[in-house]
C-alpha atoms as a PDB file:
ATOM      1  CA  MET A   1     -23.801   2.467  59.786  1.00  0.00           C
ATOM      2  CA  ASN A   2     -27.265   2.804  59.512  1.00  0.00           C
ATOM      3  CA  PRO A   3     -28.079   6.725  58.840  1.00  0.00           C
ATOM      4  CA  ALA A   4     -30.828   6.429  61.703  1.00  0.00           C
ATOM      5  CA  PHE A   5     -28.407   5.906  64.285  1.00  0.00           C
ATOM      6  CA  ILE A   6     -25.829   8.819  63.394  1.00  0.00           C
ATOM      7  CA  GLY A   7     -25.031  10.786  66.612  1.00  0.00           C
ATOM      8  CA  TYR A   8     -25.150   7.160  68.878  1.00  0.00           C
ATOM      9  CA  THR A   9     -22.351   5.790  70.687  1.00  0.00           C
ATOM     10  CA  HIS A  10     -22.092   1.913  68.995  1.00  0.00           C
ATOM     11  CA  ALA A  11     -20.698  -0.700  71.153  1.00  0.00           C
ATOM     12  CA  ILE A  12     -20.595  -4.706  71.206  1.00  0.00           C
ATOM     13  CA  GLY A  13     -20.726  -7.070  74.140  1.00  0.00           C
ATOM     14  CA  ARG A  14     -20.201 -10.796  73.935  1.00  0.00           C
ATOM     15  CA  ARG A  15     -20.896 -13.534  76.589  1.00  0.00           C
ATOM     16  CA  LYS A  16     -21.104 -17.202  75.825  1.00  0.00           C
ATOM     17  CA  THR A  17     -22.655 -17.490  72.465  1.00  0.00           C
ATOM     18  CA  ALA A  18     -24.843 -14.225  73.051  1.00  0.00           C
ATOM     19  CA  ILE A  19     -24.061 -10.973  70.978  1.00  0.00           C
ATOM     20  CA  VAL A  20     -25.436  -7.567  71.775  1.00  0.00           C
ATOM     21  CA  ARG A  21     -24.722  -4.525  69.423  1.00  0.00           C
ATOM     22  CA  LEU A  22     -25.904  -1.335  71.470  1.00  0.00           C
ATOM     23  CA  TYR A  23     -26.306   2.153  70.121  1.00  0.00           C
ATOM     24  CA  MET A  24     -26.434   4.759  72.641  1.00  0.00           C
ATOM     25  CA  ARG A  25     -26.790   8.788  72.931  1.00  0.00           C
ATOM     26  CA  ALA A  26     -27.922  11.480  75.761  1.00  0.00           C
ATOM     27  CA  ALA A  27     -31.576  11.867  75.650  1.00  0.00           C
ATOM     28  CA  LEU A  28     -32.594  14.659  73.276  1.00  0.00           C
ATOM     29  CA  THR A  29     -35.928  14.956  75.672  1.00  0.00           C
ATOM     30  CA  ASN A  30     -37.421  13.807  78.753  1.00  0.00           C
ATOM     31  CA  GLU A  31     -38.802  10.689  77.031  1.00  0.00           C
ATOM     32  CA  ALA A  32     -35.679   8.558  77.105  1.00  0.00           C
ATOM     33  CA  THR A  33     -35.908   5.221  75.495  1.00  0.00           C
ATOM     34  CA  PHE A  34     -34.281   1.922  76.198  1.00  0.00           C
ATOM     35  CA  GLN A  35     -35.339  -1.119  73.729  1.00  0.00           C
ATOM     36  CA  VAL A  36     -34.045  -4.437  73.247  1.00  0.00           C
ATOM     37  CA  ASN A  37     -35.018  -6.204  70.011  1.00  0.00           C
ATOM     38  CA  ARG A  38     -37.576  -3.205  69.702  1.00  0.00           C
ATOM     39  CA  ARG A  39     -39.135  -4.230  72.713  1.00  0.00           C
ATOM     40  CA  PRO A  40     -38.989  -2.368  76.263  1.00  0.00           C
ATOM     41  CA  TRP A  41     -36.162  -3.744  78.176  1.00  0.00           C
ATOM     42  CA  LYS A  42     -37.999  -4.504  81.462  1.00  0.00           C
ATOM     43  CA  GLU A  43     -40.424  -6.544  79.185  1.00  0.00           C
ATOM     44  CA  TYR A  44     -37.330  -8.505  77.355  1.00  0.00           C
ATOM     45  CA  PHE A  45     -35.706  -8.918  80.519  1.00  0.00           C
ATOM     46  CA  PRO A  46     -38.488  -9.542  83.005  1.00  0.00           C
ATOM     47  CA  SER A  47     -36.407 -11.055  85.763  1.00  0.00           C
ATOM     48  CA  GLU A  48     -35.507  -8.582  88.280  1.00  0.00           C
ATOM     49  CA  ILE A  49     -31.727 -10.350  88.988  1.00  0.00           C
ATOM     50  CA  TYR A  50     -31.138  -9.539  84.998  1.00  0.00           C
ATOM     51  CA  GLN A  51     -32.552  -5.939  85.373  1.00  0.00           C
ATOM     52  CA  LEU A  52     -29.967  -5.286  88.342  1.00  0.00           C
ATOM     53  CA  GLU A  53     -27.118  -6.970  86.265  1.00  0.00           C
ATOM     54  CA  ILE A  54     -27.612  -4.480  83.541  1.00  0.00           C
ATOM     55  CA  LEU A  55     -27.749  -1.293  85.417  1.00  0.00           C
ATOM     56  CA  LYS A  56     -24.653  -2.092  87.351  1.00  0.00           C
ATOM     57  CA  PRO A  57     -22.671   0.087  84.641  1.00  0.00           C
ATOM     58  CA  PHE A  58     -24.851   3.027  85.284  1.00  0.00           C
ATOM     59  CA  GLU A  59     -24.655   2.799  89.214  1.00  0.00           C
ATOM     60  CA  ALA A  60     -20.984   2.610  89.013  1.00  0.00           C
ATOM     61  CA  VAL A  61     -20.597   5.982  87.368  1.00  0.00           C
ATOM     62  CA  GLY A  62     -23.020   7.728  89.016  1.00  0.00           C
ATOM     63  CA  ALA A  63     -25.451   7.784  85.965  1.00  0.00           C
ATOM     64  CA  ARG A  64     -29.456   6.983  85.442  1.00  0.00           C
ATOM     65  CA  VAL A  65     -31.012   5.135  82.517  1.00  0.00           C
ATOM     66  CA  ASN A  66     -33.209   7.609  81.783  1.00  0.00           C
ATOM     67  CA  GLN A  67     -30.613   9.958  80.628  1.00  0.00           C
ATOM     68  CA  TYR A  68     -30.045   7.753  77.465  1.00  0.00           C
ATOM     69  CA  ASP A  69     -31.848   7.000  74.185  1.00  0.00           C
ATOM     70  CA  ILE A  70     -30.491   3.146  74.135  1.00  0.00           C
ATOM     71  CA  VAL A  71     -31.327   0.714  71.175  1.00  0.00           C
ATOM     72  CA  VAL A  72     -29.892  -3.053  71.480  1.00  0.00           C
ATOM     73  CA  TYR A  73     -30.142  -5.564  68.973  1.00  0.00           C
ATOM     74  CA  ALA A  74     -29.381  -8.940  70.533  1.00  0.00           C
ATOM     75  CA  GLU A  75     -28.805 -12.286  69.209  1.00  0.00           C
ATOM     76  CA  GLY A  76     -27.815 -15.874  70.355  1.00  0.00           C
ATOM     77  CA  GLY A  77     -27.198 -17.507  73.455  1.00  0.00           C
ATOM     78  CA  GLY A  78     -29.743 -17.220  76.537  1.00  0.00           C
ATOM     79  CA  ILE A  79     -31.504 -14.644  78.582  1.00  0.00           C
ATOM     80  CA  LYS A  80     -28.485 -14.800  81.185  1.00  0.00           C
ATOM     81  CA  GLY A  81     -25.847 -14.707  78.466  1.00  0.00           C
ATOM     82  CA  GLN A  82     -27.573 -11.623  76.410  1.00  0.00           C
ATOM     83  CA  ALA A  83     -28.309  -9.896  79.843  1.00  0.00           C
ATOM     84  CA  GLU A  84     -24.331 -10.342  80.820  1.00  0.00           C
ATOM     85  CA  ALA A  85     -23.295  -9.333  77.257  1.00  0.00           C
ATOM     86  CA  LEU A  86     -25.681  -5.887  77.229  1.00  0.00           C
ATOM     87  CA  ARG A  87     -23.921  -5.236  80.678  1.00  0.00           C
ATOM     88  CA  LEU A  88     -20.727  -5.344  78.660  1.00  0.00           C
ATOM     89  CA  ALA A  89     -21.850  -3.398  75.836  1.00  0.00           C
ATOM     90  CA  ILE A  90     -23.484  -0.386  78.275  1.00  0.00           C
ATOM     91  CA  ALA A  91     -19.863  -0.269  80.042  1.00  0.00           C
ATOM     92  CA  ARG A  92     -18.123   0.314  76.960  1.00  0.00           C
ATOM     93  CA  ALA A  93     -20.419   2.737  75.393  1.00  0.00           C
ATOM     94  CA  LEU A  94     -20.365   4.709  78.681  1.00  0.00           C
ATOM     95  CA  VAL A  95     -16.155   4.795  78.294  1.00  0.00           C
ATOM     96  CA  ARG A  96     -16.480   5.873  74.418  1.00  0.00           C
ATOM     97  CA  MET A  97     -18.836   8.773  75.502  1.00  0.00           C
ATOM     98  CA  ARG A  98     -16.855   9.746  78.590  1.00  0.00           C
ATOM     99  CA  GLU A  99     -12.779   8.795  79.276  1.00  0.00           C
ATOM    100  CA  GLU A 100     -13.169   9.591  83.009  1.00  0.00           C
ATOM    101  CA  ASN A 101     -15.979   6.495  83.321  1.00  0.00           C
ATOM    102  CA  HIS A 102     -13.203   3.955  82.687  1.00  0.00           C
ATOM    103  CA  ALA A 103     -11.678   4.320  85.982  1.00  0.00           C
ATOM    104  CA  PHE A 104     -14.850   3.732  87.833  1.00  0.00           C
ATOM    105  CA  LEU A 105     -15.984   0.849  85.531  1.00  0.00           C
ATOM    106  CA  ARG A 106     -12.476  -1.004  85.575  1.00  0.00           C
ATOM    107  CA  LYS A 107     -12.761  -1.113  89.158  1.00  0.00           C
ATOM    108  CA  ALA A 108     -16.199  -2.455  89.207  1.00  0.00           C
ATOM    109  CA  GLY A 109     -14.819  -5.331  87.128  1.00  0.00           C
ATOM    110  CA  LEU A 110     -17.445  -4.245  84.498  1.00  0.00           C
ATOM    111  CA  LEU A 111     -15.359  -3.991  81.427  1.00  0.00           C
ATOM    112  CA  THR A 112     -13.776  -7.271  81.701  1.00  0.00           C
ATOM    113  CA  VAL A 113     -14.709  -9.841  79.395  1.00  0.00           C
ATOM    114  CA  ASP A 114     -15.887 -13.088  80.647  1.00  0.00           C
ATOM    115  CA  ALA A 115     -14.603 -15.558  78.059  1.00  0.00           C
ATOM    116  CA  ARG A 116     -15.848 -18.832  79.364  1.00  0.00           C
ATOM    117  CA  LYS A 117     -17.758 -20.717  76.970  1.00  0.00           C
ATOM    118  CA  VAL A 118     -19.280 -24.290  76.991  1.00  0.00           C
ATOM    119  CA  GLU A 119     -16.383 -26.874  76.401  1.00  0.00           C
ATOM    120  CA  ARG A 120     -17.304 -29.411  73.534  1.00  0.00           C
ATOM    121  CA  LYS A 121     -18.184 -32.854  74.224  1.00  0.00           C
ATOM    122  CA  HIS A 122     -15.150 -35.466  73.548  1.00  0.00           C
ATOM    123  CA  TYR A 123     -15.048 -38.619  71.759  1.00  0.00           C
ATOM    124  CA  GLY A 124     -15.065 -41.378  74.271  1.00  0.00           C
ATOM    125  CA  HIS A 125     -16.682 -39.315  76.889  1.00  0.00           C
ATOM    126  CA  LYS A 126     -20.105 -38.947  78.183  1.00  0.00           C
ATOM    127  CA  LYS A 127     -20.010 -35.022  78.276  1.00  0.00           C
ATOM    128  CA  ALA A 128     -17.091 -32.772  78.026  1.00  0.00           C
ATOM    129  CA  ARG A 129     -14.840 -34.418  80.854  1.00  0.00           C
ATOM    130  CA  LYS A 130     -17.450 -36.879  82.294  1.00  0.00           C
ATOM    131  CA  SER A 131     -16.526 -40.595  81.620  1.00  0.00           C
ATOM    132  CA  PHE A 132     -18.713 -43.425  81.101  1.00  0.00           C
ATOM    133  CA  GLN A 133     -18.610 -45.697  84.280  1.00  0.00           C
ATOM    134  CA  PHE A 134     -15.522 -47.985  84.534  1.00  0.00           C
ATOM    135  CA  SER A 135     -16.282 -52.009  84.757  1.00  0.00           C
ATOM    136  CA  LYS A 136     -12.885 -53.945  85.566  1.00  0.00           C
ATOM    137  CA  ARG A 137     -14.778 -57.354  84.731  1.00  0.00           C
END
């Protein structure tokens, strides 16, 4: 592990093809940071829908984002997959920091991994399940 992250709680979240590595610790000062790929998280996820999705684990345990220093590295997938992977990683990190959070996060369904992925295209089909138009003659 990188020596710069000693004292941080590490968690990984995955969704579709997106992978998020999260490092989180209790904020040491009033200036809490939340960065995704070295950018402010609200700049990386400009849509309010994704911002609300990311904040769900904090709401479930009654915490605030500015109580934690968070550094995130996201790769793969699209913006939605990364946002949902980040939500899972935050929930896992909150459980590692305080075991009492597990019941609240489990009840809210935030610790459940959504394993759905795009199905591959199959031979003789137009897409994964769609077939070519059938012609009798």
